Amino acid sequence: MTRNEGTFDRAMRVILGLVLLSLVFVGPQTLWGLIGIVPLATGLVGYCPLYSVLGIRTCAVKS
């Protein structure tokens, strides 16, 4: 698994994941907030399987 997410993309995914996970504990307290695990995990790892399928790459290419 090579990294296919840039720094900004990763930061936004981690923030979005944490916000969605907070819905489980604060706010409407719904289990839909568990969806936040997906962007949080992909942001921490730096690899998105959907990006690979679509051929998208937001990280800088090493020369």
N, C-alpha and C. Protein backbone atom coordinates (compact mmCIF):
# COMPACT_ATOMS: atom_id res chain seq x y z
N MET A 1 0.84 -1.18 0.00
CA MET A 1 0.00 0.00 0.00
C MET A 1 0.88 1.24 0.00
N THR A 2 0.90 1.93 -1.10
CA THR A 2 1.64 3.19 -1.16
C THR A 2 0.70 4.33 -0.83
N ARG A 3 1.27 5.37 -0.26
CA ARG A 3 0.46 6.54 0.11
C ARG A 3 -0.13 7.19 -1.12
N ASN A 4 -1.41 7.50 -1.07
CA ASN A 4 -2.05 8.19 -2.18
C ASN A 4 -2.85 9.40 -1.71
N GLU A 5 -2.60 9.84 -0.49
CA GLU A 5 -3.28 11.02 0.07
C GLU A 5 -2.25 12.06 0.47
N GLY A 6 -2.53 13.30 0.12
CA GLY A 6 -1.66 14.41 0.50
C GLY A 6 -1.89 14.83 1.94
N THR A 7 -1.06 15.73 2.41
CA THR A 7 -1.13 16.18 3.80
C THR A 7 -2.45 16.86 4.12
N PHE A 8 -2.89 17.77 3.25
CA PHE A 8 -4.16 18.47 3.49
C PHE A 8 -5.33 17.48 3.48
N ASP A 9 -5.32 16.56 2.54
CA ASP A 9 -6.38 15.55 2.44
C ASP A 9 -6.43 14.70 3.70
N ARG A 10 -5.27 14.29 4.17
CA ARG A 10 -5.21 13.48 5.39
C ARG A 10 -5.72 14.25 6.60
N ALA A 11 -5.34 15.52 6.73
CA ALA A 11 -5.78 16.33 7.86
C ALA A 11 -7.29 16.50 7.85
N MET A 12 -7.86 16.76 6.68
CA MET A 12 -9.31 16.93 6.57
C MET A 12 -10.04 15.63 6.91
N ARG A 13 -9.49 14.51 6.50
CA ARG A 13 -10.12 13.22 6.82
C ARG A 13 -10.10 12.94 8.32
N VAL A 14 -8.99 13.25 8.97
CA VAL A 14 -8.90 13.02 10.41
C VAL A 14 -9.89 13.92 11.15
N ILE A 15 -9.96 15.18 10.75
CA ILE A 15 -10.91 16.11 11.39
C ILE A 15 -12.34 15.65 11.17
N LEU A 16 -12.68 15.29 9.93
CA LEU A 16 -14.03 14.81 9.63
C LEU A 16 -14.35 13.54 10.42
N GLY A 17 -13.40 12.63 10.50
CA GLY A 17 -13.61 11.40 11.25
C GLY A 17 -13.87 11.67 12.72
N LEU A 18 -13.12 12.58 13.32
CA LEU A 18 -13.31 12.90 14.72
C LEU A 18 -14.65 13.59 14.96
N VAL A 19 -15.04 14.46 14.03
CA VAL A 19 -16.35 15.13 14.17
C VAL A 19 -17.47 14.11 14.09
N LEU A 20 -17.39 13.20 13.13
CA LEU A 20 -18.44 12.18 13.00
C LEU A 20 -18.47 11.25 14.20
N LEU A 21 -17.30 10.87 14.70
CA LEU A 21 -17.27 10.01 15.89
C LEU A 21 -17.83 10.71 17.12
N SER A 22 -17.69 12.02 17.18
CA SER A 22 -18.23 12.75 18.33
C SER A 22 -19.75 12.68 18.37
N LEU A 23 -20.39 12.42 17.22
CA LEU A 23 -21.85 12.29 17.19
C LEU A 23 -22.34 11.08 17.99
N VAL A 24 -21.46 10.12 18.22
CA VAL A 24 -21.86 8.96 19.01
C VAL A 24 -22.01 9.34 20.47
N PHE A 25 -21.19 10.29 20.94
CA PHE A 25 -21.18 10.63 22.36
C PHE A 25 -21.87 11.95 22.68
N VAL A 26 -21.83 12.90 21.75
CA VAL A 26 -22.38 14.23 21.98
C VAL A 26 -23.37 14.54 20.86
N GLY A 27 -24.33 15.33 21.13
CA GLY A 27 -25.27 15.71 20.08
C GLY A 27 -26.42 14.71 20.00
N PRO A 28 -26.75 14.27 18.77
CA PRO A 28 -27.89 13.37 18.62
C PRO A 28 -27.64 11.96 19.16
N GLN A 29 -26.41 11.62 19.51
CA GLN A 29 -26.03 10.31 20.05
C GLN A 29 -26.56 9.17 19.19
N THR A 30 -26.23 9.23 17.92
CA THR A 30 -26.66 8.21 16.99
C THR A 30 -25.47 7.35 16.57
N LEU A 31 -25.73 6.10 16.25
CA LEU A 31 -24.65 5.21 15.83
C LEU A 31 -24.15 5.51 14.42
N TRP A 32 -24.83 6.39 13.69
CA TRP A 32 -24.35 6.78 12.37
C TRP A 32 -22.99 7.46 12.47
N GLY A 33 -22.65 7.96 13.62
CA GLY A 33 -21.36 8.58 13.82
C GLY A 33 -20.20 7.62 13.69
N LEU A 34 -20.48 6.32 13.79
CA LEU A 34 -19.42 5.32 13.64
C LEU A 34 -18.86 5.29 12.22
N ILE A 35 -19.56 5.90 11.29
CA ILE A 35 -19.05 6.03 9.93
C ILE A 35 -17.75 6.83 9.95
N GLY A 36 -17.55 7.63 10.96
CA GLY A 36 -16.34 8.43 11.10
C GLY A 36 -15.07 7.61 11.22
N ILE A 37 -15.21 6.32 11.52
CA ILE A 37 -14.04 5.45 11.61
C ILE A 37 -13.34 5.34 10.25
N VAL A 38 -14.10 5.34 9.17
CA VAL A 38 -13.52 5.19 7.83
C VAL A 38 -12.62 6.36 7.46
N PRO A 39 -13.10 7.61 7.50
CA PRO A 39 -12.18 8.70 7.15
C PRO A 39 -11.04 8.85 8.15
N LEU A 40 -11.29 8.54 9.42
CA LEU A 40 -10.24 8.63 10.42
C LEU A 40 -9.13 7.63 10.13
N ALA A 41 -9.50 6.40 9.83
CA ALA A 41 -8.51 5.36 9.55
C ALA A 41 -7.74 5.65 8.27
N THR A 42 -8.44 6.05 7.21
CA THR A 42 -7.74 6.33 5.95
C THR A 42 -6.85 7.56 6.09
N GLY A 43 -7.26 8.52 6.89
CA GLY A 43 -6.44 9.70 7.11
C GLY A 43 -5.18 9.39 7.90
N LEU A 44 -5.29 8.52 8.88
CA LEU A 44 -4.13 8.15 9.68
C LEU A 44 -3.15 7.29 8.90
N VAL A 45 -3.67 6.41 8.06
CA VAL A 45 -2.82 5.49 7.29
C VAL A 45 -2.24 6.20 6.06
N GLY A 46 -3.01 7.09 5.45
CA GLY A 46 -2.54 7.80 4.27
C GLY A 46 -2.85 7.07 2.98
N TYR A 47 -3.71 6.08 3.05
CA TYR A 47 -4.07 5.29 1.87
C TYR A 47 -5.59 5.15 1.79
N CYS A 48 -6.15 5.45 0.63
CA CYS A 48 -7.58 5.32 0.41
C CYS A 48 -7.80 4.31 -0.72
N PRO A 49 -8.46 3.18 -0.44
CA PRO A 49 -8.69 2.18 -1.48
C PRO A 49 -9.53 2.72 -2.64
N LEU A 50 -10.47 3.60 -2.38
CA LEU A 50 -11.29 4.17 -3.44
C LEU A 50 -10.46 5.03 -4.38
N TYR A 51 -9.50 5.75 -3.83
CA TYR A 51 -8.59 6.54 -4.68
C TYR A 51 -7.82 5.63 -5.63
N SER A 52 -7.40 4.46 -5.15
CA SER A 52 -6.67 3.52 -6.00
C SER A 52 -7.53 3.03 -7.15
N VAL A 53 -8.78 2.73 -6.86
CA VAL A 53 -9.70 2.24 -7.89
C VAL A 53 -9.95 3.31 -8.94
N LEU A 54 -10.11 4.56 -8.50
CA LEU A 54 -10.39 5.66 -9.41
C LEU A 54 -9.14 6.27 -10.03
N GLY A 55 -7.97 5.88 -9.55
CA GLY A 55 -6.72 6.42 -10.08
C GLY A 55 -6.41 7.82 -9.61
N ILE A 56 -6.93 8.19 -8.46
CA ILE A 56 -6.71 9.53 -7.91
C ILE A 56 -5.52 9.47 -6.96
N ARG A 57 -4.73 10.53 -6.96
CA ARG A 57 -3.57 10.63 -6.07
C ARG A 57 -3.40 12.09 -5.68
N THR A 58 -3.53 12.39 -4.38
CA THR A 58 -3.41 13.78 -3.94
C THR A 58 -2.07 14.08 -3.29
N CYS A 59 -1.24 13.07 -3.11
CA CYS A 59 0.07 13.35 -2.52
C CYS A 59 1.08 13.66 -3.62
N ALA A 60 2.11 14.37 -3.23
CA ALA A 60 3.14 14.75 -4.19
C ALA A 60 3.93 13.52 -4.64
N VAL A 61 4.24 13.48 -5.90
CA VAL A 61 4.99 12.36 -6.44
C VAL A 61 6.48 12.56 -6.16
N LYS A 62 7.12 11.54 -5.60
CA LYS A 62 8.55 11.62 -5.31
C LYS A 62 9.32 11.43 -6.62
N SER A 63 10.33 12.28 -6.83
CA SER A 63 11.11 12.12 -8.07
C SER A 63 12.42 11.42 -7.81
